[in-house]
Amino acid sequence: MAKFETKALVEGALFSAITVVLSLFGFYLPPPFGIAIILTLPVPIIILGVRQGSKTSILSTIISAIILGIIVNPFMVLIVLLSFGLTGVVLGAAFEENFSPFKIIAVSIVTSILSTILIIGVNLYFLDFDVTNAFNTALEQYKQLGLDQATMKQLETIINDMQKMFKIFFPSIILAASSVKGLINYYIALPVLNRLGYDFDTPTPFARWRLPKYIILGYILGILLISNSFGKNIYFIFNFVYLIQGLAVAAHYLKRLNISNVVQKVILFILAIIPINQILAFVGILDQWFDFRKLED
């Protein structure tokens, strides 16, 4: 028993150190490098949870948070605990319980959404964060660049429009972004764990993802209520869901081409962020009914 407790303490300390080092790189490196590292931060905690249980992963997370609070600032304690700490502990427990891939993905997404809401709440309470002030600060920074009046007028219009859109779509943006983050956390952790000798089930390949047909009801509801903020958010969420299915259709056809997986992922990423993504959402809707990929055969 003492041997196992000692091993848990040693591994807990080791993974705390790894988490602290990765966190510092993530916080101080410029994007996109910093963001990429931040997305990996739950992984050491997940691995520790699978190897030594939730108690050890919780203790390690608390230690990491305290160390980062001392090195960076005390506020970091809450950020660490509520962000990748919570995600890492919960996902580690889900893997340890050997949940199905679908359940682990669901747990990851729900935890990511909860984590984001908690962090926003903490920022609003302790830092008095205000979206309007953030946009105004961005505008002031542009003014300091010495741009001509016509350009500044255009920028001011764009920033004001973005501010209005952000306020309307804030709930759905949080849900969509948190869901993507939850998926990324899962898909980073799974191959790492399996490379370490575990044999967790892999989910259905992305190219074969397909939504149930009743999802269209949510999309229709969003269209019917599009005149108010609630309807706009409903539409945004279900449009995002169908964009995912549209990307799955694109992934299916990309696999038929003789190109590497990395290139395929880059193409899918580009398709997701350029204006054509609305077309992909419609492709997702049509695929649900016409089964372009012949998944029902």
Protein backbone atom coordinates (compact mmCIF):
# COMPACT_ATOMS: atom_id res chain seq x y z
CA MET A 1 0.00 0.00 0.00
CA ALA A 2 2.78 2.44 0.95
CA LYS A 3 4.56 1.64 -2.31
CA PHE A 4 1.47 2.56 -4.35
CA GLU A 5 0.91 5.75 -2.31
CA THR A 6 4.53 6.78 -2.86
CA LYS A 7 4.21 6.12 -6.60
CA ALA A 8 1.03 8.22 -6.72
CA LEU A 9 2.75 11.10 -4.91
CA VAL A 10 5.79 10.96 -7.19
CA GLU A 11 3.67 10.87 -10.34
CA GLY A 12 1.44 13.61 -8.94
CA ALA A 13 4.45 15.86 -8.37
CA LEU A 14 5.86 15.05 -11.82
CA PHE A 15 2.61 15.82 -13.62
CA SER A 16 2.18 19.00 -11.57
CA ALA A 17 5.58 20.15 -12.80
CA ILE A 18 4.68 19.28 -16.40
CA THR A 19 1.38 21.18 -16.08
CA VAL A 20 3.10 24.27 -14.65
CA VAL A 21 5.77 24.33 -17.38
CA LEU A 22 3.22 23.84 -20.18
CA SER A 23 1.01 26.53 -18.64
CA LEU A 24 3.82 29.08 -18.58
CA PHE A 25 4.62 28.35 -22.23
CA GLY A 26 0.93 28.62 -23.11
CA PHE A 27 0.47 31.93 -21.29
CA TYR A 28 3.57 33.68 -22.58
CA LEU A 29 4.05 32.36 -26.12
CA PRO A 30 2.26 34.35 -28.83
CA PRO A 31 -0.74 32.82 -30.59
CA PRO A 32 -1.23 30.44 -32.28
CA PHE A 33 1.55 28.61 -30.39
CA GLY A 34 0.24 29.64 -26.98
CA ILE A 35 -3.32 28.61 -27.83
CA ALA A 36 -2.14 25.24 -29.17
CA ILE A 37 -0.28 24.55 -25.91
CA ILE A 38 -3.21 25.69 -23.76
CA LEU A 39 -5.44 23.13 -25.52
CA THR A 40 -3.05 20.37 -24.37
CA LEU A 41 -3.04 21.44 -20.70
CA PRO A 42 -5.75 18.99 -19.53
CA VAL A 43 -3.75 16.04 -20.93
CA PRO A 44 -1.23 15.60 -18.05
CA ILE A 45 -4.11 15.73 -15.55
CA ILE A 46 -6.13 13.23 -17.60
CA ILE A 47 -3.18 10.81 -17.78
CA LEU A 48 -2.60 11.13 -14.04
CA GLY A 49 -6.29 10.49 -13.35
CA VAL A 50 -6.25 7.32 -15.46
CA ARG A 51 -3.03 6.07 -13.86
CA GLN A 52 -3.57 7.03 -10.22
CA GLY A 53 -7.22 7.94 -9.80
CA SER A 54 -9.23 11.12 -9.34
CA LYS A 55 -7.95 11.95 -5.85
CA THR A 56 -4.37 12.18 -7.06
CA SER A 57 -5.34 14.20 -10.15
CA ILE A 58 -7.34 16.65 -8.01
CA LEU A 59 -4.43 17.09 -5.59
CA SER A 60 -1.99 17.57 -8.47
CA THR A 61 -4.30 20.16 -10.05
CA ILE A 62 -4.55 22.13 -6.80
CA ILE A 63 -0.75 22.10 -6.40
CA SER A 64 -0.29 23.27 -10.01
CA ALA A 65 -2.82 26.06 -9.46
CA ILE A 66 -1.08 27.26 -6.29
CA ILE A 67 2.36 27.25 -7.95
CA LEU A 68 1.05 29.21 -10.95
CA GLY A 69 -0.72 31.58 -8.57
CA ILE A 70 2.62 32.31 -6.90
CA ILE A 71 4.58 32.63 -10.17
CA VAL A 72 2.04 34.57 -12.26
CA ASN A 73 -0.65 36.07 -10.00
CA PRO A 74 -3.10 34.81 -7.35
CA PHE A 75 -6.01 35.01 -9.79
CA MET A 76 -4.41 32.17 -11.77
CA VAL A 77 -5.43 29.74 -9.01
CA LEU A 78 -9.09 30.09 -9.99
CA ILE A 79 -8.36 30.10 -13.72
CA VAL A 80 -6.39 26.85 -13.49
CA LEU A 81 -8.93 25.10 -11.27
CA LEU A 82 -11.94 26.14 -13.35
CA SER A 83 -10.43 25.73 -16.81
CA PHE A 84 -8.11 22.87 -17.70
CA GLY A 85 -8.05 21.59 -14.12
CA LEU A 86 -11.77 20.82 -14.09
CA THR A 87 -11.64 19.42 -17.63
CA GLY A 88 -8.62 17.24 -16.88
CA VAL A 89 -10.04 15.77 -13.67
CA VAL A 90 -13.48 15.02 -15.14
CA LEU A 91 -12.13 13.56 -18.39
CA GLY A 92 -9.59 11.50 -16.48
CA ALA A 93 -12.41 10.04 -14.39
CA ALA A 94 -14.46 9.32 -17.54
CA PHE A 95 -11.55 7.47 -19.15
CA GLU A 96 -10.81 5.65 -15.88
CA GLU A 97 -14.43 4.43 -15.76
CA ASN A 98 -13.99 3.25 -19.37
CA PHE A 99 -17.01 5.12 -20.68
CA SER A 100 -17.92 4.67 -24.33
CA PRO A 101 -16.37 7.18 -26.77
CA PHE A 102 -19.74 8.90 -27.20
CA LYS A 103 -20.17 9.33 -23.43
CA ILE A 104 -16.62 10.64 -22.99
CA ILE A 105 -17.12 13.15 -25.82
CA ALA A 106 -20.42 14.25 -24.24
CA VAL A 107 -18.74 14.60 -20.84
CA SER A 108 -15.89 16.56 -22.40
CA ILE A 109 -18.24 18.99 -24.17
CA VAL A 110 -20.49 19.54 -21.13
CA THR A 111 -17.46 20.06 -18.87
CA SER A 112 -15.94 22.50 -21.35
CA ILE A 113 -19.17 24.52 -21.49
CA LEU A 114 -19.46 24.55 -17.69
CA SER A 115 -15.81 25.54 -17.35
CA THR A 116 -16.22 28.44 -19.79
CA ILE A 117 -19.33 29.73 -18.00
CA LEU A 118 -17.54 29.59 -14.62
CA ILE A 119 -14.49 31.43 -15.98
CA ILE A 120 -16.69 34.13 -17.51
CA GLY A 121 -18.49 34.48 -14.17
CA VAL A 122 -15.20 34.80 -12.29
CA ASN A 123 -13.94 37.42 -14.77
CA LEU A 124 -17.14 39.44 -14.46
CA TYR A 125 -17.12 39.26 -10.65
CA PHE A 126 -13.45 39.79 -9.86
CA LEU A 127 -12.16 41.77 -12.85
CA ASP A 128 -15.33 43.71 -13.71
CA PHE A 129 -14.83 42.70 -17.34
CA ASP A 130 -17.02 44.60 -19.80
CA VAL A 131 -17.38 43.69 -23.47
CA THR A 132 -18.05 47.29 -24.51
CA ASN A 133 -14.85 48.46 -22.84
CA ALA A 134 -12.91 45.70 -24.59
CA PHE A 135 -14.14 46.82 -28.02
CA ASN A 136 -13.50 50.48 -27.17
CA THR A 137 -9.97 49.61 -26.08
CA ALA A 138 -9.38 47.85 -29.40
CA LEU A 139 -10.62 50.94 -31.23
CA GLU A 140 -8.31 53.21 -29.22
CA GLN A 141 -5.35 51.00 -30.08
CA TYR A 142 -6.13 51.39 -33.78
CA LYS A 143 -6.33 55.17 -33.34
CA GLN A 144 -2.82 55.20 -31.90
CA LEU A 145 -1.51 53.70 -35.14
CA GLY A 146 -2.09 57.05 -36.85
CA LEU A 147 -4.53 55.80 -39.47
CA ASP A 148 -6.30 58.35 -41.66
CA GLN A 149 -9.81 59.53 -40.78
CA ALA A 150 -11.59 57.56 -43.53
CA THR A 151 -9.93 54.30 -42.48
CA MET A 152 -10.72 54.99 -38.83
CA LYS A 153 -14.36 55.62 -39.71
CA GLN A 154 -14.55 52.25 -41.47
CA LEU A 155 -12.85 50.49 -38.55
CA GLU A 156 -15.20 52.16 -36.09
CA THR A 157 -18.22 50.95 -38.08
CA ILE A 158 -16.81 47.40 -38.29
CA ILE A 159 -15.99 47.26 -34.57
CA ASN A 160 -19.42 48.64 -33.60
CA ASP A 161 -21.12 46.05 -35.83
CA MET A 162 -18.98 43.30 -34.30
CA GLN A 163 -19.92 44.50 -30.83
CA LYS A 164 -23.64 44.36 -31.64
CA MET A 165 -23.30 40.90 -33.19
CA PHE A 166 -21.27 39.63 -30.25
CA LYS A 167 -23.88 40.80 -27.75
CA ILE A 168 -26.67 39.08 -29.71
CA PHE A 169 -24.86 35.79 -30.37
CA PHE A 170 -22.86 35.60 -27.12
CA PRO A 171 -24.69 32.50 -25.72
CA SER A 172 -24.42 30.49 -28.94
CA ILE A 173 -20.80 31.55 -29.50
CA ILE A 174 -19.92 30.28 -26.02
CA LEU A 175 -21.72 26.97 -26.65
CA ALA A 176 -20.11 26.46 -30.06
CA ALA A 177 -16.58 27.45 -29.01
CA SER A 178 -16.76 25.39 -25.80
CA SER A 179 -18.04 22.35 -27.71
CA VAL A 180 -15.15 22.58 -30.16
CA LYS A 181 -12.72 22.91 -27.26
CA GLY A 182 -14.26 19.84 -25.60
CA LEU A 183 -13.84 17.82 -28.81
CA ILE A 184 -10.23 18.97 -29.18
CA ASN A 185 -9.45 18.02 -25.57
CA TYR A 186 -10.82 14.52 -26.18
CA TYR A 187 -9.08 13.98 -29.51
CA ILE A 188 -5.74 15.11 -28.06
CA ALA A 189 -6.01 12.94 -24.95
CA LEU A 190 -7.20 9.71 -26.64
CA PRO A 191 -4.15 9.00 -28.87
CA VAL A 192 -1.76 10.02 -26.09
CA LEU A 193 -3.35 7.53 -23.69
CA ASN A 194 -3.37 4.74 -26.28
CA ARG A 195 0.29 5.42 -27.10
CA LEU A 196 1.03 4.95 -23.39
CA GLY A 197 -0.29 1.41 -23.61
CA TYR A 198 -3.97 1.83 -22.83
CA ASP A 199 -6.57 0.44 -25.18
CA PHE A 200 -9.49 2.85 -25.14
CA ASP A 201 -12.09 2.48 -27.86
CA THR A 202 -11.82 4.93 -30.72
CA PRO A 203 -14.97 6.81 -31.78
CA THR A 204 -16.67 6.63 -35.16
CA PRO A 205 -14.35 8.25 -37.74
CA PHE A 206 -15.25 11.89 -38.37
CA ALA A 207 -15.94 11.16 -42.05
CA ARG A 208 -18.81 8.88 -40.92
CA TRP A 209 -20.43 11.26 -38.44
CA ARG A 210 -24.14 11.67 -39.11
CA LEU A 211 -26.83 13.50 -37.16
CA PRO A 212 -30.29 12.06 -36.40
CA LYS A 213 -32.96 13.47 -38.71
CA TYR A 214 -35.00 15.07 -35.90
CA ILE A 215 -32.22 17.68 -35.43
CA ILE A 216 -33.83 19.53 -38.34
CA LEU A 217 -36.64 20.56 -35.95
CA GLY A 218 -34.21 22.77 -34.02
CA TYR A 219 -32.99 24.35 -37.25
CA ILE A 220 -36.57 25.08 -38.36
CA LEU A 221 -37.39 26.55 -34.92
CA GLY A 222 -34.42 28.89 -35.26
CA ILE A 223 -35.66 30.07 -38.67
CA LEU A 224 -39.21 30.64 -37.37
CA LEU A 225 -37.92 32.71 -34.42
CA ILE A 226 -35.10 34.45 -36.30
CA SER A 227 -36.64 37.89 -35.64
CA ASN A 228 -35.57 37.86 -31.96
CA SER A 229 -32.29 37.19 -30.15
CA PHE A 230 -33.42 33.79 -28.85
CA GLY A 231 -34.26 32.59 -32.36
CA LYS A 232 -31.00 33.95 -33.75
CA ASN A 233 -29.05 31.95 -31.17
CA ILE A 234 -31.06 28.79 -31.85
CA TYR A 235 -30.41 29.20 -35.57
CA PHE A 236 -26.69 29.83 -34.98
CA ILE A 237 -26.32 26.68 -32.84
CA PHE A 238 -28.08 24.35 -35.28
CA ASN A 239 -26.39 25.95 -38.26
CA PHE A 240 -23.08 25.22 -36.50
CA VAL A 241 -24.18 21.61 -35.90
CA TYR A 242 -24.96 21.18 -39.60
CA LEU A 243 -21.63 22.79 -40.48
CA ILE A 244 -19.97 19.97 -38.54
CA GLN A 245 -21.92 17.41 -40.58
CA GLY A 246 -21.03 19.27 -43.79
CA LEU A 247 -17.36 19.05 -42.81
CA ALA A 248 -17.84 15.32 -42.19
CA VAL A 249 -19.16 14.99 -45.75
CA ALA A 250 -16.13 16.91 -47.03
CA ALA A 251 -13.85 14.65 -44.98
CA HIS A 252 -15.49 11.59 -46.57
CA TYR A 253 -14.64 12.78 -50.08
CA LEU A 254 -11.18 14.05 -49.13
CA LYS A 255 -10.32 10.53 -47.97
CA ARG A 256 -10.81 9.34 -51.54
CA LEU A 257 -7.99 11.61 -52.68
CA ASN A 258 -4.39 10.50 -52.44
CA ILE A 259 -3.31 13.19 -49.95
CA SER A 260 -1.94 13.00 -46.43
CA ASN A 261 -4.10 13.24 -43.31
CA VAL A 262 -2.38 16.49 -42.34
CA VAL A 263 -3.31 18.13 -45.65
CA GLN A 264 -6.88 16.86 -45.29
CA LYS A 265 -7.15 18.43 -41.83
CA VAL A 266 -5.73 21.73 -43.08
CA ILE A 267 -8.29 21.78 -45.91
CA LEU A 268 -11.13 21.03 -43.47
CA PHE A 269 -9.95 23.82 -41.16
CA ILE A 270 -9.88 26.30 -44.05
CA LEU A 271 -13.36 25.21 -45.18
CA ALA A 272 -14.64 25.75 -41.63
CA ILE A 273 -13.46 29.36 -41.34
CA ILE A 274 -14.05 30.82 -44.81
CA PRO A 275 -17.47 32.15 -45.99
CA ILE A 276 -18.15 28.91 -47.87
CA ASN A 277 -18.93 27.32 -44.51
CA GLN A 278 -22.61 28.30 -44.93
CA ILE A 279 -22.70 26.18 -48.08
CA LEU A 280 -21.22 23.31 -46.06
CA ALA A 281 -24.01 23.70 -43.50
CA PHE A 282 -26.57 23.25 -46.31
CA VAL A 283 -24.60 20.22 -47.53
CA GLY A 284 -24.90 18.83 -44.00
CA ILE A 285 -28.67 19.31 -44.07
CA LEU A 286 -29.03 17.67 -47.48
CA ASP A 287 -26.77 14.76 -46.49
CA GLN A 288 -29.04 14.06 -43.56
CA TRP A 289 -31.87 13.30 -45.98
CA PHE A 290 -30.17 12.14 -49.18
CA ASP A 291 -27.25 10.23 -47.60
CA PHE A 292 -24.55 11.35 -50.05
CA ARG A 293 -22.02 9.07 -48.34
CA LYS A 294 -24.29 5.99 -48.52
CA LEU A 295 -23.83 5.34 -44.80
CA GLU A 296 -27.19 3.58 -44.58
CA ASP A 297 -26.20 0.91 -47.13
